[in-house]
């Protein structure tokens, strides 16, 4: 056991640490946030760093997902926060959620999420696109089902960066890392197999691929985990310590869960598109209370909290404004 601990620590030392941006140091005084000792929420941030082209997208966060380890209900959950959501960014007024990082880094992004969604986060993991590609390749690729519009877009644009891999086809197939990354980046064009478009489709693709990677990793022997980690962790930045990461890994193994539950914010029925000129940030998504078209984050904040803290994985999660009960089979506790 001691030898395994040393091996894990040596592997985890490949991760870039940034304790200066540790979420635990962010001042949330005056902001109502919810937490539970049996529930761990980690902010997963996807960023595109391409040194070879001189491009650095460190300002705008391309992907924002809250990964939840729910020890109370023995489940894992993924919640996508859409990048174009209009939110209140402390000190900067209303703007798109993905602008928070460019204004004040990870700390302001966290404060913005706390302000608008009342969620306490336990840490963050920032993943470069190269790490994403590497882990997909290390697990032997992921199987997805592509539509005709997705295939046309991937084979005729630079979303798949290496031209030799722009040969995907309609239907189910195994994508390599470069192809899977391109698939997850589709935004303006292309409809998913379940009919989603634009950023709704993009965030669904991201969660789908993460789930597929998780399904393959959990079936691999521990020695392969180490090999994968040694390859990808150099492209990862986090404020979590080695001990925290190892403890979380043990908890996941102990839970023995085989499924990840998914949610997208905003939830259906509680958002609309911004009108022309309504906000200075341009084309964006306006969260509403459902009954009123005015900008209002409270319903989506409520839905997020129900999913993270109350949903027990029984049935399909459906947001109920009154807090709901399990009587309708949606799995949400009071």
C-alpha atoms as a PDB file:
ATOM      1  CA  UNK A   1       0.000   0.000   0.000  1.00  0.00           C
ATOM      2  CA  UNK A   2       2.815   2.377   0.890  1.00  0.00           C
ATOM      3  CA  UNK A   3       4.531   1.628  -2.432  1.00  0.00           C
ATOM      4  CA  UNK A   4       1.320   2.352  -4.324  1.00  0.00           C
ATOM      5  CA  UNK A   5       0.997   5.654  -2.475  1.00  0.00           C
ATOM      6  CA  UNK A   6       4.517   6.652  -3.525  1.00  0.00           C
ATOM      7  CA  UNK A   7       3.809   5.667  -7.144  1.00  0.00           C
ATOM      8  CA  UNK A   8       0.624   7.735  -7.210  1.00  0.00           C
ATOM      9  CA  UNK A   9       2.360  10.727  -5.674  1.00  0.00           C
ATOM     10  CA  UNK A  10       5.183  10.565  -8.222  1.00  0.00           C
ATOM     11  CA  UNK A  11       2.623  10.441 -11.024  1.00  0.00           C
ATOM     12  CA  UNK A  12       0.540  13.285  -9.633  1.00  0.00           C
ATOM     13  CA  UNK A  13       3.637  15.449  -9.376  1.00  0.00           C
ATOM     14  CA  UNK A  14       3.382  15.877 -13.149  1.00  0.00           C
ATOM     15  CA  UNK A  15       0.381  18.152 -12.567  1.00  0.00           C
ATOM     16  CA  UNK A  16       0.923  21.914 -12.620  1.00  0.00           C
ATOM     17  CA  UNK A  17      -0.065  23.360  -9.223  1.00  0.00           C
ATOM     18  CA  UNK A  18      -1.383  26.859  -8.801  1.00  0.00           C
ATOM     19  CA  UNK A  19      -2.160  27.334  -5.143  1.00  0.00           C
ATOM     20  CA  UNK A  20      -2.242  31.107  -5.657  1.00  0.00           C
ATOM     21  CA  UNK A  21      -5.577  30.579  -7.409  1.00  0.00           C
ATOM     22  CA  UNK A  22      -6.886  28.011  -4.912  1.00  0.00           C
ATOM     23  CA  UNK A  23     -10.658  28.280  -4.732  1.00  0.00           C
ATOM     24  CA  UNK A  24     -10.571  27.894  -0.950  1.00  0.00           C
ATOM     25  CA  UNK A  25      -8.928  31.337  -0.764  1.00  0.00           C
ATOM     26  CA  UNK A  26     -11.670  33.133  -2.721  1.00  0.00           C
ATOM     27  CA  UNK A  27     -13.654  35.559  -0.576  1.00  0.00           C
ATOM     28  CA  UNK A  28     -17.345  34.632  -0.849  1.00  0.00           C
ATOM     29  CA  UNK A  29     -18.498  36.791   2.038  1.00  0.00           C
ATOM     30  CA  UNK A  30     -22.011  38.049   1.448  1.00  0.00           C
ATOM     31  CA  UNK A  31     -22.715  35.308  -1.117  1.00  0.00           C
ATOM     32  CA  UNK A  32     -25.058  32.455  -0.186  1.00  0.00           C
ATOM     33  CA  UNK A  33     -23.476  29.137  -1.164  1.00  0.00           C
ATOM     34  CA  UNK A  34     -24.646  25.614  -0.473  1.00  0.00           C
ATOM     35  CA  UNK A  35     -22.384  22.699   0.414  1.00  0.00           C
ATOM     36  CA  UNK A  36     -22.506  19.197   1.875  1.00  0.00           C
ATOM     37  CA  UNK A  37     -19.676  17.269   3.553  1.00  0.00           C
ATOM     38  CA  UNK A  38     -20.686  14.177   1.555  1.00  0.00           C
ATOM     39  CA  UNK A  39     -20.696  15.920  -1.799  1.00  0.00           C
ATOM     40  CA  UNK A  40     -17.577  17.126  -3.620  1.00  0.00           C
ATOM     41  CA  UNK A  41     -17.882  19.633  -6.470  1.00  0.00           C
ATOM     42  CA  UNK A  42     -14.910  20.191  -8.771  1.00  0.00           C
ATOM     43  CA  UNK A  43     -14.921  22.792 -11.544  1.00  0.00           C
ATOM     44  CA  UNK A  44     -13.554  21.292 -14.756  1.00  0.00           C
ATOM     45  CA  UNK A  45     -12.302  23.912 -17.191  1.00  0.00           C
ATOM     46  CA  UNK A  46     -11.333  23.235 -20.783  1.00  0.00           C
ATOM     47  CA  UNK A  47      -8.895  25.638 -22.397  1.00  0.00           C
ATOM     48  CA  UNK A  48      -7.198  25.760 -25.775  1.00  0.00           C
ATOM     49  CA  UNK A  49      -3.454  26.409 -25.522  1.00  0.00           C
ATOM     50  CA  UNK A  50      -1.548  26.114 -28.807  1.00  0.00           C
ATOM     51  CA  UNK A  51       2.029  27.262 -28.369  1.00  0.00           C
ATOM     52  CA  UNK A  52       2.974  26.090 -31.819  1.00  0.00           C
ATOM     53  CA  UNK A  53       0.646  28.639 -33.437  1.00  0.00           C
ATOM     54  CA  UNK A  54       1.147  31.387 -30.899  1.00  0.00           C
ATOM     55  CA  UNK A  55      -2.518  31.099 -29.908  1.00  0.00           C
ATOM     56  CA  UNK A  56      -3.457  31.322 -26.257  1.00  0.00           C
ATOM     57  CA  UNK A  57      -7.143  31.221 -25.318  1.00  0.00           C
ATOM     58  CA  UNK A  58      -6.482  31.432 -21.620  1.00  0.00           C
ATOM     59  CA  UNK A  59      -8.882  34.338 -21.295  1.00  0.00           C
ATOM     60  CA  UNK A  60     -12.131  32.763 -22.426  1.00  0.00           C
ATOM     61  CA  UNK A  61     -12.962  29.408 -20.850  1.00  0.00           C
ATOM     62  CA  UNK A  62     -14.088  27.118 -23.656  1.00  0.00           C
ATOM     63  CA  UNK A  63     -15.630  24.475 -21.394  1.00  0.00           C
ATOM     64  CA  UNK A  64     -17.049  24.731 -17.873  1.00  0.00           C
ATOM     65  CA  UNK A  65     -18.349  21.582 -16.207  1.00  0.00           C
ATOM     66  CA  UNK A  66     -19.057  20.902 -12.528  1.00  0.00           C
ATOM     67  CA  UNK A  67     -18.000  17.350 -11.727  1.00  0.00           C
ATOM     68  CA  UNK A  68     -19.811  16.058  -8.647  1.00  0.00           C
ATOM     69  CA  UNK A  69     -18.870  13.093  -6.477  1.00  0.00           C
ATOM     70  CA  UNK A  70     -22.032  12.409  -4.466  1.00  0.00           C
ATOM     71  CA  UNK A  71     -21.115  10.067  -1.616  1.00  0.00           C
ATOM     72  CA  UNK A  72     -24.557  10.550  -0.066  1.00  0.00           C
ATOM     73  CA  UNK A  73     -26.308   8.891  -3.010  1.00  0.00           C
ATOM     74  CA  UNK A  74     -23.322   6.956  -4.373  1.00  0.00           C
ATOM     75  CA  UNK A  75     -23.308   8.679  -7.742  1.00  0.00           C
ATOM     76  CA  UNK A  76     -21.212  10.764 -10.114  1.00  0.00           C
ATOM     77  CA  UNK A  77     -22.677  13.775 -11.888  1.00  0.00           C
ATOM     78  CA  UNK A  78     -21.645  16.160 -14.653  1.00  0.00           C
ATOM     79  CA  UNK A  79     -23.228  19.576 -15.117  1.00  0.00           C
ATOM     80  CA  UNK A  80     -22.360  21.735 -18.129  1.00  0.00           C
ATOM     81  CA  UNK A  81     -22.563  25.499 -17.683  1.00  0.00           C
ATOM     82  CA  UNK A  82     -23.074  26.970 -21.123  1.00  0.00           C
ATOM     83  CA  UNK A  83     -20.451  29.552 -22.021  1.00  0.00           C
ATOM     84  CA  UNK A  84     -22.924  32.110 -23.433  1.00  0.00           C
ATOM     85  CA  UNK A  85     -25.091  32.386 -20.319  1.00  0.00           C
ATOM     86  CA  UNK A  86     -25.673  35.987 -19.282  1.00  0.00           C
ATOM     87  CA  UNK A  87     -24.621  36.236 -15.633  1.00  0.00           C
ATOM     88  CA  UNK A  88     -23.732  38.906 -13.117  1.00  0.00           C
ATOM     89  CA  UNK A  89     -19.934  39.065 -12.982  1.00  0.00           C
ATOM     90  CA  UNK A  90     -18.979  40.747  -9.672  1.00  0.00           C
ATOM     91  CA  UNK A  91     -17.526  44.162 -10.393  1.00  0.00           C
ATOM     92  CA  UNK A  92     -18.206  43.942 -14.128  1.00  0.00           C
ATOM     93  CA  UNK A  93     -21.965  43.791 -14.554  1.00  0.00           C
ATOM     94  CA  UNK A  94     -23.833  41.406 -16.844  1.00  0.00           C
ATOM     95  CA  UNK A  95     -21.810  39.505 -19.414  1.00  0.00           C
ATOM     96  CA  UNK A  96     -21.289  36.001 -20.746  1.00  0.00           C
ATOM     97  CA  UNK A  97     -20.120  33.453 -18.200  1.00  0.00           C
ATOM     98  CA  UNK A  98     -16.990  32.621 -20.167  1.00  0.00           C
ATOM     99  CA  UNK A  99     -15.833  36.251 -19.895  1.00  0.00           C
ATOM    100  CA  UNK A 100     -15.339  35.997 -16.111  1.00  0.00           C
ATOM    101  CA  UNK A 101     -11.975  34.275 -16.433  1.00  0.00           C
ATOM    102  CA  UNK A 102     -10.628  36.955 -18.763  1.00  0.00           C
ATOM    103  CA  UNK A 103     -11.641  39.672 -16.273  1.00  0.00           C
ATOM    104  CA  UNK A 104     -10.218  38.080 -13.135  1.00  0.00           C
ATOM    105  CA  UNK A 105      -8.965  34.539 -13.650  1.00  0.00           C
ATOM    106  CA  UNK A 106     -10.204  31.358 -12.015  1.00  0.00           C
ATOM    107  CA  UNK A 107     -10.974  33.230  -8.794  1.00  0.00           C
ATOM    108  CA  UNK A 108     -13.479  35.566 -10.457  1.00  0.00           C
ATOM    109  CA  UNK A 109     -14.974  32.697 -12.455  1.00  0.00           C
ATOM    110  CA  UNK A 110     -15.617  30.858  -9.173  1.00  0.00           C
ATOM    111  CA  UNK A 111     -17.060  33.978  -7.538  1.00  0.00           C
ATOM    112  CA  UNK A 112     -19.334  34.437 -10.550  1.00  0.00           C
ATOM    113  CA  UNK A 113     -20.586  30.843 -10.341  1.00  0.00           C
ATOM    114  CA  UNK A 114     -21.160  31.232  -6.598  1.00  0.00           C
ATOM    115  CA  UNK A 115     -23.003  34.525  -7.072  1.00  0.00           C
ATOM    116  CA  UNK A 116     -25.353  33.250  -9.765  1.00  0.00           C
ATOM    117  CA  UNK A 117     -25.800  29.597  -8.788  1.00  0.00           C
ATOM    118  CA  UNK A 118     -25.177  29.475  -4.992  1.00  0.00           C
ATOM    119  CA  UNK A 119     -22.767  26.547  -5.235  1.00  0.00           C
ATOM    120  CA  UNK A 120     -19.602  26.054  -3.197  1.00  0.00           C
ATOM    121  CA  UNK A 121     -16.797  24.429  -5.169  1.00  0.00           C
ATOM    122  CA  UNK A 122     -14.056  22.293  -3.618  1.00  0.00           C
ATOM    123  CA  UNK A 123     -11.404  22.837  -6.254  1.00  0.00           C
ATOM    124  CA  UNK A 124     -10.755  23.118  -9.952  1.00  0.00           C
ATOM    125  CA  UNK A 125      -9.027  21.180 -12.705  1.00  0.00           C
ATOM    126  CA  UNK A 126      -8.010  23.009 -15.878  1.00  0.00           C
ATOM    127  CA  UNK A 127      -7.426  20.679 -18.811  1.00  0.00           C
ATOM    128  CA  UNK A 128      -5.637  21.665 -22.001  1.00  0.00           C
ATOM    129  CA  UNK A 129      -6.931  20.299 -25.289  1.00  0.00           C
ATOM    130  CA  UNK A 130      -3.757  18.226 -25.667  1.00  0.00           C
ATOM    131  CA  UNK A 131      -4.556  16.354 -22.451  1.00  0.00           C
ATOM    132  CA  UNK A 132      -8.028  15.602 -23.794  1.00  0.00           C
ATOM    133  CA  UNK A 133      -6.612  14.173 -27.011  1.00  0.00           C
ATOM    134  CA  UNK A 134      -3.976  12.149 -25.163  1.00  0.00           C
ATOM    135  CA  UNK A 135      -6.416  10.441 -22.808  1.00  0.00           C
ATOM    136  CA  UNK A 136      -8.779   9.506 -25.639  1.00  0.00           C
ATOM    137  CA  UNK A 137      -5.872   7.967 -27.557  1.00  0.00           C
ATOM    138  CA  UNK A 138      -4.591   6.198 -24.426  1.00  0.00           C
ATOM    139  CA  UNK A 139      -7.925   4.413 -23.878  1.00  0.00           C
ATOM    140  CA  UNK A 140      -8.061   3.340 -27.526  1.00  0.00           C
ATOM    141  CA  UNK A 141     -10.522   5.956 -28.728  1.00  0.00           C
ATOM    142  CA  UNK A 142     -14.206   6.441 -27.944  1.00  0.00           C
ATOM    143  CA  UNK A 143     -17.273   5.230 -29.797  1.00  0.00           C
ATOM    144  CA  UNK A 144     -19.784   7.887 -30.814  1.00  0.00           C
ATOM    145  CA  UNK A 145     -22.560   8.166 -33.371  1.00  0.00           C
ATOM    146  CA  UNK A 146     -22.204  10.941 -35.938  1.00  0.00           C
ATOM    147  CA  UNK A 147     -24.939  12.555 -37.984  1.00  0.00           C
ATOM    148  CA  UNK A 148     -24.568  13.603 -41.619  1.00  0.00           C
ATOM    149  CA  UNK A 149     -24.266  17.290 -40.695  1.00  0.00           C
ATOM    150  CA  UNK A 150     -21.563  16.564 -38.096  1.00  0.00           C
ATOM    151  CA  UNK A 151     -19.602  14.465 -40.582  1.00  0.00           C
ATOM    152  CA  UNK A 152     -19.756  17.151 -43.259  1.00  0.00           C
ATOM    153  CA  UNK A 153     -18.542  19.794 -40.809  1.00  0.00           C
ATOM    154  CA  UNK A 154     -15.699  17.706 -39.386  1.00  0.00           C
ATOM    155  CA  UNK A 155     -14.411  16.588 -42.777  1.00  0.00           C
ATOM    156  CA  UNK A 156     -14.443  20.057 -44.357  1.00  0.00           C
ATOM    157  CA  UNK A 157     -13.160  22.328 -41.549  1.00  0.00           C
ATOM    158  CA  UNK A 158     -10.080  22.476 -39.313  1.00  0.00           C
ATOM    159  CA  UNK A 159     -11.958  21.338 -36.213  1.00  0.00           C
ATOM    160  CA  UNK A 160     -10.076  18.086 -36.686  1.00  0.00           C
ATOM    161  CA  UNK A 161      -6.664  19.722 -36.817  1.00  0.00           C
ATOM    162  CA  UNK A 162      -4.776  16.932 -38.559  1.00  0.00           C
ATOM    163  CA  UNK A 163      -6.029  16.620 -42.135  1.00  0.00           C
ATOM    164  CA  UNK A 164      -5.279  12.912 -42.305  1.00  0.00           C
ATOM    165  CA  UNK A 165      -7.984  12.268 -39.713  1.00  0.00           C
ATOM    166  CA  UNK A 166     -10.721  14.194 -41.550  1.00  0.00           C
ATOM    167  CA  UNK A 167     -12.297  10.968 -42.752  1.00  0.00           C
ATOM    168  CA  UNK A 168     -15.113  10.306 -40.294  1.00  0.00           C
ATOM    169  CA  UNK A 169     -18.371   8.756 -41.503  1.00  0.00           C
ATOM    170  CA  UNK A 170     -22.063   8.774 -40.643  1.00  0.00           C
ATOM    171  CA  UNK A 171     -23.088   6.366 -37.876  1.00  0.00           C
ATOM    172  CA  UNK A 172     -21.325   4.702 -34.954  1.00  0.00           C
ATOM    173  CA  UNK A 173     -17.548   4.570 -35.023  1.00  0.00           C
ATOM    174  CA  UNK A 174     -14.485   4.885 -32.824  1.00  0.00           C
ATOM    175  CA  UNK A 175     -12.884   8.340 -32.852  1.00  0.00           C
ATOM    176  CA  UNK A 176      -9.246   8.950 -31.965  1.00  0.00           C
ATOM    177  CA  UNK A 177      -8.162  11.888 -29.809  1.00  0.00           C
ATOM    178  CA  UNK A 178      -7.907  14.416 -32.621  1.00  0.00           C
ATOM    179  CA  UNK A 179     -11.296  13.420 -34.033  1.00  0.00           C
ATOM    180  CA  UNK A 180     -12.987  13.352 -30.611  1.00  0.00           C
ATOM    181  CA  UNK A 181     -11.682  16.845 -29.836  1.00  0.00           C
ATOM    182  CA  UNK A 182     -13.054  18.145 -33.128  1.00  0.00           C
ATOM    183  CA  UNK A 183     -16.382  16.469 -32.387  1.00  0.00           C
ATOM    184  CA  UNK A 184     -16.571  18.149 -28.975  1.00  0.00           C
ATOM    185  CA  UNK A 185     -15.774  21.566 -30.436  1.00  0.00           C
ATOM    186  CA  UNK A 186     -18.609  21.627 -33.012  1.00  0.00           C
ATOM    187  CA  UNK A 187     -20.775  24.572 -32.126  1.00  0.00           C
ATOM    188  CA  UNK A 188     -22.363  26.624 -34.897  1.00  0.00           C
ATOM    189  CA  UNK A 189     -23.192  23.826 -37.313  1.00  0.00           C
ATOM    190  CA  UNK A 190     -24.055  20.196 -36.964  1.00  0.00           C
ATOM    191  CA  UNK A 191     -26.980  18.486 -35.230  1.00  0.00           C
ATOM    192  CA  UNK A 192     -26.451  15.682 -32.699  1.00  0.00           C
ATOM    193  CA  UNK A 193     -28.182  12.309 -32.929  1.00  0.00           C
ATOM    194  CA  UNK A 194     -30.712  13.568 -30.375  1.00  0.00           C
ATOM    195  CA  UNK A 195     -31.442  16.759 -32.292  1.00  0.00           C
ATOM    196  CA  UNK A 196     -29.354  19.319 -30.395  1.00  0.00           C
ATOM    197  CA  UNK A 197     -27.632  22.234 -32.127  1.00  0.00           C
ATOM    198  CA  UNK A 198     -25.289  25.111 -31.333  1.00  0.00           C
ATOM    199  CA  UNK A 199     -23.836  25.196 -27.803  1.00  0.00           C
ATOM    200  CA  UNK A 200     -26.565  22.857 -26.534  1.00  0.00           C
ATOM    201  CA  UNK A 201     -25.193  20.188 -28.832  1.00  0.00           C
ATOM    202  CA  UNK A 202     -21.590  21.056 -28.079  1.00  0.00           C
ATOM    203  CA  UNK A 203     -21.948  20.675 -24.315  1.00  0.00           C
ATOM    204  CA  UNK A 204     -23.888  17.422 -24.811  1.00  0.00           C
ATOM    205  CA  UNK A 205     -21.060  16.078 -26.964  1.00  0.00           C
ATOM    206  CA  UNK A 206     -18.521  17.012 -24.293  1.00  0.00           C
ATOM    207  CA  UNK A 207     -20.388  15.182 -21.536  1.00  0.00           C
ATOM    208  CA  UNK A 208     -20.967  12.192 -23.823  1.00  0.00           C
ATOM    209  CA  UNK A 209     -17.259  11.821 -24.614  1.00  0.00           C
ATOM    210  CA  UNK A 210     -16.215  12.313 -20.965  1.00  0.00           C
ATOM    211  CA  UNK A 211     -18.667   9.584 -20.000  1.00  0.00           C
ATOM    212  CA  UNK A 212     -17.300   7.290 -22.712  1.00  0.00           C
ATOM    213  CA  UNK A 213     -13.715   7.858 -21.524  1.00  0.00           C
ATOM    214  CA  UNK A 214     -14.752   7.144 -17.930  1.00  0.00           C
ATOM    215  CA  UNK A 215     -16.435   3.896 -19.012  1.00  0.00           C
ATOM    216  CA  UNK A 216     -13.206   2.713 -20.635  1.00  0.00           C
ATOM    217  CA  UNK A 217     -10.827   3.886 -17.892  1.00  0.00           C
ATOM    218  CA  UNK A 218     -12.733   2.166 -15.087  1.00  0.00           C
ATOM    219  CA  UNK A 219     -12.333  -1.182 -16.880  1.00  0.00           C
ATOM    220  CA  UNK A 220      -8.551  -0.851 -17.146  1.00  0.00           C
ATOM    221  CA  UNK A 221      -6.069  -2.261 -14.600  1.00  0.00           C
ATOM    222  CA  UNK A 222      -4.516   0.175 -12.141  1.00  0.00           C
ATOM    223  CA  UNK A 223      -1.159  -0.036 -13.944  1.00  0.00           C
ATOM    224  CA  UNK A 224      -2.780   1.451 -17.054  1.00  0.00           C
ATOM    225  CA  UNK A 225      -4.206   4.301 -14.979  1.00  0.00           C
ATOM    226  CA  UNK A 226      -0.665   5.253 -14.012  1.00  0.00           C
ATOM    227  CA  UNK A 227       0.487   5.129 -17.633  1.00  0.00           C
ATOM    228  CA  UNK A 228      -2.403   7.354 -18.751  1.00  0.00           C
ATOM    229  CA  UNK A 229      -1.817   9.798 -15.912  1.00  0.00           C
ATOM    230  CA  UNK A 230       1.915  10.087 -16.673  1.00  0.00           C
ATOM    231  CA  UNK A 231       1.020  11.070 -20.234  1.00  0.00           C
ATOM    232  CA  UNK A 232      -1.795  13.561 -19.705  1.00  0.00           C
ATOM    233  CA  UNK A 233      -1.190  15.226 -16.341  1.00  0.00           C
ATOM    234  CA  UNK A 234       1.533  17.537 -17.668  1.00  0.00           C
ATOM    235  CA  UNK A 235      -1.276  19.348 -19.504  1.00  0.00           C
ATOM    236  CA  UNK A 236      -3.389  19.747 -16.355  1.00  0.00           C
ATOM    237  CA  UNK A 237      -3.440  22.557 -13.766  1.00  0.00           C
ATOM    238  CA  UNK A 238      -5.227  22.251 -10.423  1.00  0.00           C
ATOM    239  CA  UNK A 239      -5.410  23.643  -6.905  1.00  0.00           C
ATOM    240  CA  UNK A 240      -5.947  20.145  -5.458  1.00  0.00           C
ATOM    241  CA  UNK A 241      -3.184  18.468  -3.464  1.00  0.00           C
ATOM    242  CA  UNK A 242      -1.960  14.946  -4.160  1.00  0.00           C
ATOM    243  CA  UNK A 243      -3.626  13.727  -0.957  1.00  0.00           C
ATOM    244  CA  UNK A 244      -6.978  15.207  -2.009  1.00  0.00           C
ATOM    245  CA  UNK A 245      -6.803  13.624  -5.446  1.00  0.00           C
ATOM    246  CA  UNK A 246      -5.864  10.216  -4.040  1.00  0.00           C
ATOM    247  CA  UNK A 247      -8.668  10.394  -1.467  1.00  0.00           C
ATOM    248  CA  UNK A 248     -11.191  11.291  -4.183  1.00  0.00           C
ATOM    249  CA  UNK A 249      -9.977   8.404  -6.341  1.00  0.00           C
ATOM    250  CA  UNK A 250     -10.411   6.006  -3.418  1.00  0.00           C
ATOM    251  CA  UNK A 251     -13.932   7.312  -2.845  1.00  0.00           C
ATOM    252  CA  UNK A 252     -14.880   6.755  -6.491  1.00  0.00           C
ATOM    253  CA  UNK A 253     -13.496   3.210  -6.419  1.00  0.00           C
ATOM    254  CA  UNK A 254     -15.313   2.504  -3.143  1.00  0.00           C
ATOM    255  CA  UNK A 255     -18.612   3.773  -4.574  1.00  0.00           C
ATOM    256  CA  UNK A 256     -18.283   1.291  -7.422  1.00  0.00           C
ATOM    257  CA  UNK A 257     -20.597   3.398  -9.551  1.00  0.00           C
ATOM    258  CA  UNK A 258     -20.893   2.600 -13.250  1.00  0.00           C
ATOM    259  CA  UNK A 259     -22.861   5.600 -14.482  1.00  0.00           C
ATOM    260  CA  UNK A 260     -22.537   9.361 -14.721  1.00  0.00           C
ATOM    261  CA  UNK A 261     -25.675  11.463 -14.526  1.00  0.00           C
ATOM    262  CA  UNK A 262     -25.806  14.588 -16.643  1.00  0.00           C
ATOM    263  CA  UNK A 263     -27.394  18.025 -16.561  1.00  0.00           C
ATOM    264  CA  UNK A 264     -27.086  21.146 -18.660  1.00  0.00           C
ATOM    265  CA  UNK A 265     -27.609  24.666 -17.360  1.00  0.00           C
ATOM    266  CA  UNK A 266     -29.838  26.329 -18.445  1.00  0.00           C
ATOM    267  CA  UNK A 267     -32.547  23.698 -18.041  1.00  0.00           C
ATOM    268  CA  UNK A 268     -35.362  23.338 -20.531  1.00  0.00           C
ATOM    269  CA  UNK A 269     -38.095  25.930 -20.166  1.00  0.00           C
ATOM    270  CA  UNK A 270     -36.008  28.380 -18.166  1.00  0.00           C
ATOM    271  CA  UNK A 271     -34.075  30.345 -20.772  1.00  0.00           C
ATOM    272  CA  UNK A 272     -34.406  32.276 -24.022  1.00  0.00           C
ATOM    273  CA  UNK A 273     -32.128  33.843 -26.605  1.00  0.00           C
ATOM    274  CA  UNK A 274     -31.109  37.437 -26.020  1.00  0.00           C
ATOM    275  CA  UNK A 275     -32.806  40.023 -28.215  1.00  0.00           C
ATOM    276  CA  UNK A 276     -30.694  42.108 -30.576  1.00  0.00           C
ATOM    277  CA  UNK A 277     -28.903  44.792 -28.583  1.00  0.00           C
ATOM    278  CA  UNK A 278     -30.325  43.583 -25.259  1.00  0.00           C
ATOM    279  CA  UNK A 279     -26.866  43.014 -23.788  1.00  0.00           C
ATOM    280  CA  UNK A 280     -23.520  44.460 -24.798  1.00  0.00           C
ATOM    281  CA  UNK A 281     -22.044  40.937 -25.025  1.00  0.00           C
ATOM    282  CA  UNK A 282     -23.991  40.189 -28.211  1.00  0.00           C
ATOM    283  CA  UNK A 283     -25.549  36.825 -29.018  1.00  0.00           C
ATOM    284  CA  UNK A 284     -26.191  35.110 -25.704  1.00  0.00           C
ATOM    285  CA  UNK A 285     -28.542  33.005 -23.578  1.00  0.00           C
ATOM    286  CA  UNK A 286     -30.811  34.642 -21.013  1.00  0.00           C
ATOM    287  CA  UNK A 287     -31.864  32.583 -18.001  1.00  0.00           C
ATOM    288  CA  UNK A 288     -35.461  33.169 -16.878  1.00  0.00           C
ATOM    289  CA  UNK A 289     -37.920  32.093 -14.197  1.00  0.00           C
ATOM    290  CA  UNK A 290     -39.969  30.295 -16.827  1.00  0.00           C
ATOM    291  CA  UNK A 291     -43.144  32.317 -16.338  1.00  0.00           C
ATOM    292  CA  UNK A 292     -41.395  35.625 -17.012  1.00  0.00           C
ATOM    293  CA  UNK A 293     -38.963  36.405 -19.832  1.00  0.00           C
ATOM    294  CA  UNK A 294     -36.891  38.797 -17.689  1.00  0.00           C
ATOM    295  CA  UNK A 295     -33.295  37.864 -16.844  1.00  0.00           C
ATOM    296  CA  UNK A 296     -33.429  35.719 -13.684  1.00  0.00           C
ATOM    297  CA  UNK A 297     -30.871  33.118 -12.569  1.00  0.00           C
ATOM    298  CA  UNK A 298     -32.792  31.815  -9.544  1.00  0.00           C
ATOM    299  CA  UNK A 299     -34.661  28.961 -11.276  1.00  0.00           C
ATOM    300  CA  UNK A 300     -31.529  27.576 -12.910  1.00  0.00           C
ATOM    301  CA  UNK A 301     -29.642  27.957  -9.624  1.00  0.00           C
ATOM    302  CA  UNK A 302     -32.417  26.005  -7.923  1.00  0.00           C
ATOM    303  CA  UNK A 303     -32.286  23.296 -10.602  1.00  0.00           C
ATOM    304  CA  UNK A 304     -28.505  22.982 -10.254  1.00  0.00           C
ATOM    305  CA  UNK A 305     -28.745  22.658  -6.474  1.00  0.00           C
ATOM    306  CA  UNK A 306     -31.520  20.053  -6.721  1.00  0.00           C
ATOM    307  CA  UNK A 307     -29.447  17.991  -9.149  1.00  0.00           C
ATOM    308  CA  UNK A 308     -26.219  18.197  -7.164  1.00  0.00           C
ATOM    309  CA  UNK A 309     -27.516  17.834  -3.617  1.00  0.00           C
ATOM    310  CA  UNK A 310     -30.864  16.005  -3.860  1.00  0.00           C
ATOM    311  CA  UNK A 311     -31.017  13.877  -6.999  1.00  0.00           C
ATOM    312  CA  UNK A 312     -30.438  10.229  -6.051  1.00  0.00           C
ATOM    313  CA  UNK A 313     -30.116   8.728  -9.522  1.00  0.00           C
ATOM    314  CA  UNK A 314     -33.516   7.056  -9.534  1.00  0.00           C
ATOM    315  CA  UNK A 315     -35.339   7.769 -12.747  1.00  0.00           C
ATOM    316  CA  UNK A 316     -34.631  10.847 -14.847  1.00  0.00           C
ATOM    317  CA  UNK A 317     -33.867  14.175 -13.218  1.00  0.00           C
ATOM    318  CA  UNK A 318     -36.556  16.763 -13.856  1.00  0.00           C
ATOM    319  CA  UNK A 319     -36.445  20.177 -12.301  1.00  0.00           C
ATOM    320  CA  UNK A 320     -39.435  20.998 -10.105  1.00  0.00           C
ATOM    321  CA  UNK A 321     -39.668  24.635  -8.956  1.00  0.00           C
ATOM    322  CA  UNK A 322     -41.220  23.732  -5.603  1.00  0.00           C
ATOM    323  CA  UNK A 323     -38.333  21.477  -4.666  1.00  0.00           C
ATOM    324  CA  UNK A 324     -40.217  18.388  -5.763  1.00  0.00           C
ATOM    325  CA  UNK A 325     -40.428  14.989  -4.214  1.00  0.00           C
ATOM    326  CA  UNK A 326     -39.816  11.450  -5.370  1.00  0.00           C
ATOM    327  CA  UNK A 327     -43.523  10.892  -5.947  1.00  0.00           C
ATOM    328  CA  UNK A 328     -43.230  11.601  -9.672  1.00  0.00           C
ATOM    329  CA  UNK A 329     -40.274   9.255 -10.050  1.00  0.00           C
ATOM    330  CA  UNK A 330     -37.831  11.912 -11.093  1.00  0.00           C
ATOM    331  CA  UNK A 331     -35.351  10.986  -8.382  1.00  0.00           C
ATOM    332  CA  UNK A 332     -35.282  14.369  -6.664  1.00  0.00           C
ATOM    333  CA  UNK A 333     -35.549  14.364  -2.893  1.00  0.00           C
ATOM    334  CA  UNK A 334     -37.083  17.093  -0.839  1.00  0.00           C
END
